[in-house]
Amino acid sequence: MKISLGTNIASLQAQRRLIAVAGAAIFTMISNGDGTFQAAESFALAGTALDVDLADIDGDNHLDALYSRGGNIYVAYGDGAGNFGVETLVQDFGSENSREFITADYDGDGDIDILGYNQDALEFYVLRGDGAGNFATREDYSLTVGFNVGHQELSIADLNDDGNLDVVVAGGGAGVDVFLGKADGTFEAAVSYAHTGESRSVTIADFNGDGANDILTSGGAGHTVPLFLGNISETSFEGINGLPTFSLLSESSAKDALTIMNGVVELIATDRGTLGAASSRLSVALSSAQVGKQLTAEASSRIRDADIAQESANLVRLQILQQASAAILASANETPSLVLQLLS
């Protein structure tokens, strides 16, 4: 059984879901908000599903169910009330076979993408979504660590603090492959970290509290659990969080360390420039928003509030007209009595 939580759209406060696949059915449970769930509802599939995830792939703010079945990826679109429609094919792998996948926005365009592994090839793939339920042509990335069919697992995290998602693949071989993500959503070539045994699962977390992500994998020789620490010892792997490894024990190594530090300083300066430009754009946007707010308040005041000077002038004008009308009416009423007095 595979279980997933719907955590890919901002409006989940009103539609938290737990979804699972077991055999040829999808089971969903809606959260009550207090740690309990409503009774499960099941939706029959045309075959056995091996993995499942919830994501809004068509931009309607409703969670959709993505799952792998028969080596292909399918989606059943949700209606926001916990119901799902008929399955739609997302990616046909033909004679190849896809099982596990992870949904996320890998290229920063705000749309959900799919990343998974191809069981019948030494590679993982990326399907880039357009936010309307469509996906671009599959992109494949080759693994370097030998794999064992049926024992692959993926994990994603930002390993080098560059703001891009990176991928770690345990392919059932004697080690793991790390693919560092780029700003455009593509990935660098694999960097492998070997151990004895077969890597069958992988977890990314900061296991020793040093602020750097570490990689834990299962299936080591002798029933061990290999742990790769992020850049803190002689066995640390380059390219993962923290400063690069360097030494100050000799003059030559100190000179090499100086070159490394200069590169780090340049990188920091570049990042500061990027952050400064972003801060400037945010300041301009904030200033524009404040001006717009002021103009809106002034417009609202002109519509809703009274102009005291204008209203006072209107009052005086109406009072003058009223008094003049009263005087004319009084004069008109007095005229007959004057005529009678003259006749008498």
Protein backbone atom coordinates (compact mmCIF):
# COMPACT_ATOMS: atom_id res chain seq x y z
CA MET A 1 0.00 0.00 0.00
CA LYS A 2 1.18 3.51 -0.86
CA ILE A 3 -0.08 6.58 1.05
CA SER A 4 0.12 10.28 0.16
CA LEU A 5 -1.11 13.54 1.65
CA GLY A 6 -2.48 16.31 -0.55
CA THR A 7 -0.05 19.15 0.09
CA ASN A 8 0.54 20.72 -3.32
CA ILE A 9 -1.89 23.66 -3.41
CA ALA A 10 -2.35 26.68 -1.20
CA SER A 11 -6.08 26.19 -0.61
CA LEU A 12 -5.64 22.92 1.29
CA GLN A 13 -6.97 24.46 4.52
CA ALA A 14 -10.46 23.57 3.32
CA GLN A 15 -9.67 20.33 1.51
CA ARG A 16 -7.05 18.23 3.29
CA ARG A 17 -6.94 14.70 1.98
CA LEU A 18 -5.25 11.44 2.72
CA ILE A 19 -5.05 9.11 -0.25
CA ALA A 20 -3.84 5.54 -0.57
CA VAL A 21 -3.69 2.83 -3.19
CA ALA A 22 -4.21 -0.81 -2.37
CA GLY A 23 -4.61 -3.23 -5.22
CA ALA A 24 -6.96 -1.98 -7.92
CA ALA A 25 -8.53 0.84 -5.89
CA ILE A 26 -7.86 4.33 -4.58
CA PHE A 27 -8.99 5.16 -1.05
CA THR A 28 -9.47 8.77 0.09
CA MET A 29 -10.24 10.18 3.52
CA ILE A 30 -11.12 13.83 4.21
CA SER A 31 -9.64 15.39 7.35
CA ASN A 32 -11.96 16.70 10.07
CA GLY A 33 -9.28 19.18 11.15
CA ASP A 34 -8.78 17.62 14.60
CA GLY A 35 -6.51 14.74 13.67
CA THR A 36 -9.35 12.43 12.67
CA PHE A 37 -10.67 11.57 9.25
CA GLN A 38 -14.04 10.86 7.73
CA ALA A 39 -14.89 7.36 6.53
CA ALA A 40 -12.81 6.25 3.54
CA GLU A 41 -14.27 6.35 0.06
CA SER A 42 -12.94 4.00 -2.60
CA PHE A 43 -12.62 4.40 -6.36
CA ALA A 44 -12.05 1.34 -8.49
CA LEU A 45 -9.18 1.26 -11.01
CA ALA A 46 -8.71 -0.79 -14.14
CA GLY A 47 -5.65 -2.48 -12.61
CA THR A 48 -3.26 -2.51 -9.66
CA ALA A 49 -1.72 0.86 -8.80
CA LEU A 50 1.80 0.99 -7.33
CA ASP A 51 2.20 4.63 -6.31
CA VAL A 52 -0.13 7.60 -5.76
CA ASP A 53 0.07 11.34 -5.09
CA LEU A 54 -2.29 14.28 -4.81
CA ALA A 55 -1.69 17.50 -6.73
CA ASP A 56 -3.64 20.19 -8.57
CA ILE A 57 -2.30 19.70 -12.08
CA ASP A 58 -5.02 21.57 -14.03
CA GLY A 59 -5.16 24.79 -11.99
CA ASP A 60 -8.77 24.50 -10.77
CA ASN A 61 -7.76 24.47 -7.06
CA HIS A 62 -9.05 20.90 -6.72
CA LEU A 63 -6.74 18.05 -5.81
CA ASP A 64 -6.28 15.43 -8.52
CA ALA A 65 -5.13 11.84 -7.98
CA LEU A 66 -2.01 10.80 -9.91
CA TYR A 67 -0.99 7.15 -9.84
CA SER A 68 1.20 4.63 -11.63
CA ARG A 69 -0.54 1.59 -13.06
CA GLY A 70 0.66 -0.95 -15.58
CA GLY A 71 3.94 0.91 -15.95
CA ASN A 72 2.21 4.18 -17.01
CA ILE A 73 1.16 7.38 -15.19
CA TYR A 74 -2.54 8.24 -14.96
CA VAL A 75 -4.61 11.02 -13.39
CA ALA A 76 -8.17 11.08 -12.06
CA TYR A 77 -9.31 14.71 -11.81
CA GLY A 78 -10.89 15.77 -8.53
CA ASP A 79 -14.03 17.89 -8.11
CA GLY A 80 -13.06 19.44 -4.74
CA ALA A 81 -15.66 17.38 -2.87
CA GLY A 82 -13.54 14.25 -2.49
CA ASN A 83 -14.68 12.64 -5.74
CA PHE A 84 -12.54 11.72 -8.73
CA GLY A 85 -13.45 11.24 -12.39
CA VAL A 86 -12.41 8.58 -14.85
CA GLU A 87 -8.69 8.00 -15.30
CA THR A 88 -6.78 9.86 -18.00
CA LEU A 89 -3.41 8.75 -19.34
CA VAL A 90 -0.61 11.20 -18.52
CA GLN A 91 2.44 9.31 -19.82
CA ASP A 92 2.62 6.07 -21.79
CA PHE A 93 5.94 4.29 -21.19
CA GLY A 94 5.28 1.63 -23.82
CA SER A 95 7.40 -1.43 -23.12
CA GLU A 96 9.16 0.36 -20.23
CA ASN A 97 7.87 0.60 -16.69
CA SER A 98 7.42 3.53 -14.27
CA ARG A 99 6.54 2.91 -10.64
CA GLU A 100 7.47 5.51 -8.02
CA PHE A 101 7.16 9.26 -8.75
CA ILE A 102 7.11 12.57 -6.84
CA THR A 103 5.10 15.67 -7.77
CA ALA A 104 6.55 19.14 -7.18
CA ASP A 105 7.31 22.38 -9.01
CA TYR A 106 10.84 21.64 -10.21
CA ASP A 107 11.31 24.59 -12.58
CA GLY A 108 9.74 27.36 -10.48
CA ASP A 109 6.96 28.25 -12.92
CA GLY A 110 4.18 27.63 -10.40
CA ASP A 111 2.92 24.46 -12.15
CA ILE A 112 3.13 20.91 -10.86
CA ASP A 113 5.69 18.64 -12.52
CA ILE A 114 6.24 14.88 -12.17
CA LEU A 115 9.58 13.24 -11.40
CA GLY A 116 9.90 9.47 -11.31
CA TYR A 117 12.13 6.54 -12.20
CA ASN A 118 11.98 4.22 -15.15
CA GLN A 119 12.29 0.71 -13.79
CA ASP A 120 13.37 -0.81 -17.10
CA ALA A 121 16.12 1.70 -17.82
CA LEU A 122 18.99 3.16 -15.85
CA GLU A 123 17.37 6.59 -15.60
CA PHE A 124 14.83 8.84 -13.94
CA TYR A 125 12.51 11.20 -15.81
CA VAL A 126 10.82 14.60 -15.51
CA LEU A 127 7.41 15.55 -16.95
CA ARG A 128 6.90 19.32 -16.88
CA GLY A 129 3.32 20.50 -16.39
CA ASP A 130 1.74 23.61 -17.87
CA GLY A 131 -0.86 24.13 -15.12
CA ALA A 132 -3.70 23.09 -17.44
CA GLY A 133 -3.30 19.33 -17.11
CA ASN A 134 -0.83 18.92 -19.98
CA PHE A 135 2.78 17.74 -19.78
CA ALA A 136 5.77 18.33 -22.04
CA THR A 137 7.91 15.63 -23.63
CA ARG A 138 9.60 13.39 -21.09
CA GLU A 139 13.15 14.31 -20.05
CA ASP A 140 15.41 11.40 -19.03
CA TYR A 141 18.49 11.49 -16.79
CA SER A 142 20.89 8.55 -16.66
CA LEU A 143 21.86 6.87 -13.38
CA THR A 144 25.40 5.67 -12.74
CA VAL A 145 24.92 3.29 -9.80
CA GLY A 146 23.76 -0.17 -10.94
CA PHE A 147 20.19 -0.90 -10.09
CA ASN A 148 18.05 -3.84 -9.06
CA VAL A 149 14.58 -3.96 -10.62
CA GLY A 150 11.89 -3.36 -8.02
CA HIS A 151 14.14 -1.70 -5.44
CA GLN A 152 14.33 1.95 -6.54
CA GLU A 153 13.34 4.98 -4.49
CA LEU A 154 13.56 8.73 -5.01
CA SER A 155 13.86 11.60 -2.57
CA ILE A 156 14.01 15.35 -3.21
CA ALA A 157 15.40 18.28 -1.21
CA ASP A 158 17.53 21.37 -1.69
CA LEU A 159 20.90 19.84 -0.84
CA ASN A 160 23.18 22.79 -1.64
CA ASP A 161 21.01 25.73 -0.53
CA ASP A 162 20.73 27.24 -4.02
CA GLY A 163 16.93 27.34 -3.97
CA ASN A 164 16.59 24.49 -6.48
CA LEU A 165 15.29 21.00 -5.75
CA ASP A 166 17.86 18.23 -6.00
CA VAL A 167 17.22 14.51 -6.49
CA VAL A 168 18.71 11.50 -4.72
CA VAL A 169 18.09 8.09 -6.29
CA ALA A 170 18.57 4.76 -4.56
CA GLY A 171 18.56 2.35 -7.48
CA GLY A 172 19.17 -0.93 -5.72
CA GLY A 173 22.89 -0.77 -6.48
CA ALA A 174 25.87 -0.26 -4.18
CA GLY A 175 25.34 3.44 -3.56
CA VAL A 176 23.17 6.43 -4.42
CA ASP A 177 23.11 8.98 -7.24
CA VAL A 178 22.77 12.71 -6.49
CA PHE A 179 21.47 15.07 -9.19
CA LEU A 180 21.81 18.75 -8.31
CA GLY A 181 19.03 20.91 -9.71
CA LYS A 182 19.51 24.01 -11.84
CA ALA A 183 17.48 27.22 -11.89
CA ASP A 184 15.71 26.20 -15.12
CA GLY A 185 14.48 22.94 -13.58
CA THR A 186 17.02 20.69 -15.32
CA PHE A 187 19.61 18.64 -13.45
CA GLU A 188 23.35 18.25 -13.54
CA ALA A 189 24.96 14.89 -14.28
CA ALA A 190 24.84 12.32 -11.50
CA VAL A 191 27.39 12.28 -8.70
CA SER A 192 27.60 8.83 -7.10
CA TYR A 193 28.31 7.90 -3.47
CA ALA A 194 29.14 4.25 -3.03
CA HIS A 195 28.73 1.80 -0.17
CA THR A 196 28.61 -1.96 0.13
CA GLY A 197 25.24 -3.57 -0.31
CA GLU A 198 22.13 -2.55 -2.22
CA SER A 199 20.43 0.84 -1.73
CA ARG A 200 16.71 0.14 -1.62
CA SER A 201 15.37 3.32 0.00
CA VAL A 202 16.64 6.82 0.72
CA THR A 203 15.81 9.58 3.22
CA ILE A 204 17.15 13.14 3.31
CA ALA A 205 17.34 15.01 6.64
CA ASP A 206 19.78 16.78 8.97
CA PHE A 207 20.62 13.81 11.19
CA ASN A 208 23.43 15.42 13.20
CA GLY A 209 22.04 18.94 13.65
CA ASP A 210 24.83 20.78 11.80
CA GLY A 211 22.45 22.53 9.41
CA ALA A 212 23.46 20.40 6.44
CA ASN A 213 21.24 17.80 4.78
CA ASP A 214 22.47 14.22 5.10
CA ILE A 215 21.53 11.14 3.09
CA LEU A 216 20.42 7.91 4.75
CA THR A 217 19.92 4.79 2.70
CA SER A 218 19.01 1.21 3.55
CA GLY A 219 20.34 -2.11 2.32
CA GLY A 220 23.97 -1.85 3.38
CA ALA A 221 26.09 -4.96 3.71
CA GLY A 222 25.45 -6.92 6.88
CA HIS A 223 22.04 -5.30 7.38
CA THR A 224 23.62 -1.88 7.97
CA VAL A 225 22.16 1.55 7.20
CA PRO A 226 24.70 3.72 5.32
CA LEU A 227 24.65 7.44 6.23
CA PHE A 228 26.33 10.11 4.08
CA LEU A 229 26.95 13.27 6.11
CA GLY A 230 26.90 16.61 4.35
CA ASN A 231 30.40 18.17 4.23
CA ILE A 232 31.58 17.79 7.82
CA SER A 233 34.20 15.02 7.70
CA GLU A 234 36.65 13.23 5.44
CA THR A 235 33.76 11.09 4.16
CA SER A 236 31.53 14.06 3.39
CA PHE A 237 30.32 14.49 -0.17
CA GLU A 238 31.11 17.62 -2.20
CA GLY A 239 28.32 19.78 -3.54
CA ILE A 240 26.08 19.30 -0.51
CA ASN A 241 25.28 22.01 2.06
CA GLY A 242 28.04 23.90 3.85
CA LEU A 243 31.53 25.07 2.88
CA PRO A 244 33.69 22.97 0.57
CA THR A 245 36.24 20.72 2.26
CA PHE A 246 39.65 22.36 2.74
CA SER A 247 42.79 22.09 4.86
CA LEU A 248 45.19 24.60 6.47
CA LEU A 249 47.85 22.07 7.52
CA SER A 250 50.40 23.12 4.90
CA GLU A 251 51.35 26.18 2.89
CA SER A 252 50.15 24.68 -0.38
CA SER A 253 46.82 23.52 1.10
CA ALA A 254 46.36 26.96 2.69
CA LYS A 255 46.86 28.58 -0.73
CA ASP A 256 44.31 26.17 -2.17
CA ALA A 257 41.95 27.05 0.68
CA LEU A 258 42.43 30.76 -0.11
CA THR A 259 41.34 30.10 -3.70
CA ILE A 260 38.33 28.20 -2.40
CA MET A 261 37.42 31.02 0.00
CA ASN A 262 37.75 33.60 -2.79
CA GLY A 263 35.30 31.57 -4.82
CA VAL A 264 32.91 31.39 -1.86
CA VAL A 265 33.20 35.16 -1.33
CA GLU A 266 32.42 35.77 -5.01
CA LEU A 267 29.44 33.45 -4.74
CA ILE A 268 28.22 35.33 -1.66
CA ALA A 269 28.68 38.65 -3.45
CA THR A 270 26.67 37.35 -6.41
CA ASP A 271 23.92 36.14 -4.10
CA ARG A 272 23.91 39.50 -2.28
CA GLY A 273 23.52 41.27 -5.61
CA THR A 274 20.64 38.99 -6.54
CA LEU A 275 18.99 39.55 -3.17
CA GLY A 276 19.56 43.31 -3.44
CA ALA A 277 17.91 43.42 -6.85
CA ALA A 278 14.99 41.39 -5.53
CA SER A 279 14.72 43.70 -2.51
CA SER A 280 14.71 46.74 -4.81
CA ARG A 281 11.94 45.25 -6.93
CA LEU A 282 9.93 44.48 -3.81
CA SER A 283 10.42 48.06 -2.56
CA VAL A 284 9.17 49.46 -5.86
CA ALA A 285 6.20 47.10 -5.80
CA LEU A 286 5.44 48.09 -2.20
CA SER A 287 5.64 51.79 -3.06
CA SER A 288 3.29 51.28 -6.02
CA ALA A 289 0.88 49.35 -3.82
CA GLN A 290 0.91 52.15 -1.22
CA VAL A 291 0.21 54.79 -3.90
CA GLY A 292 -2.62 52.67 -5.24
CA LYS A 293 -4.01 52.29 -1.73
CA GLN A 294 -3.92 56.08 -1.20
CA LEU A 295 -5.61 56.78 -4.54
CA THR A 296 -8.28 54.22 -3.76
CA ALA A 297 -8.93 55.81 -0.36
CA GLU A 298 -9.21 59.26 -1.97
CA ALA A 299 -11.64 57.96 -4.59
CA SER A 300 -13.70 56.29 -1.90
CA SER A 301 -13.73 59.52 0.11
CA ARG A 302 -14.92 61.51 -2.89
CA ILE A 303 -17.72 59.03 -3.44
CA ARG A 304 -18.83 58.47 0.14
CA ASP A 305 -17.83 61.58 2.15
CA ALA A 306 -19.63 65.00 2.09
CA ASP A 307 -17.94 68.18 0.79
CA ILE A 308 -18.78 70.55 3.68
CA ALA A 309 -18.11 73.76 1.72
CA GLN A 310 -20.22 72.67 -1.23
CA GLU A 311 -23.04 71.41 0.95
CA SER A 312 -23.01 74.67 2.99
CA ALA A 313 -23.28 76.73 -0.23
CA ASN A 314 -26.16 74.52 -1.40
CA LEU A 315 -27.90 75.04 1.96
CA VAL A 316 -27.60 78.86 1.77
CA ARG A 317 -28.85 78.85 -1.83
CA LEU A 318 -31.87 76.74 -0.92
CA GLN A 319 -32.61 78.96 2.11
CA ILE A 320 -32.50 82.08 -0.09
CA LEU A 321 -34.81 80.47 -2.64
CA GLN A 322 -37.18 79.40 0.15
CA GLN A 323 -37.28 82.89 1.70
CA ALA A 324 -37.77 84.53 -1.71
CA SER A 325 -40.64 82.17 -2.48
CA ALA A 326 -42.26 82.94 0.86
CA ALA A 327 -41.96 86.71 0.27
CA ILE A 328 -43.46 86.46 -3.22
CA LEU A 329 -46.33 84.32 -1.92
CA ALA A 330 -47.01 86.77 0.92
CA SER A 331 -47.01 89.69 -1.54
CA ALA A 332 -49.40 87.85 -3.83
CA ASN A 333 -51.77 87.14 -0.94
CA GLU A 334 -51.73 90.82 0.14
CA THR A 335 -52.68 92.22 -3.30
CA PRO A 336 -56.49 91.45 -3.13
CA SER A 337 -56.84 93.11 0.24
CA LEU A 338 -55.19 96.26 -1.05
CA VAL A 339 -57.58 96.38 -4.03
CA LEU A 340 -60.59 96.06 -1.67
CA GLN A 341 -59.27 98.87 0.50
CA LEU A 342 -59.01 101.17 -2.53
CA LEU A 343 -62.53 100.36 -3.71
CA SER A 344 -63.97 101.03 -0.31
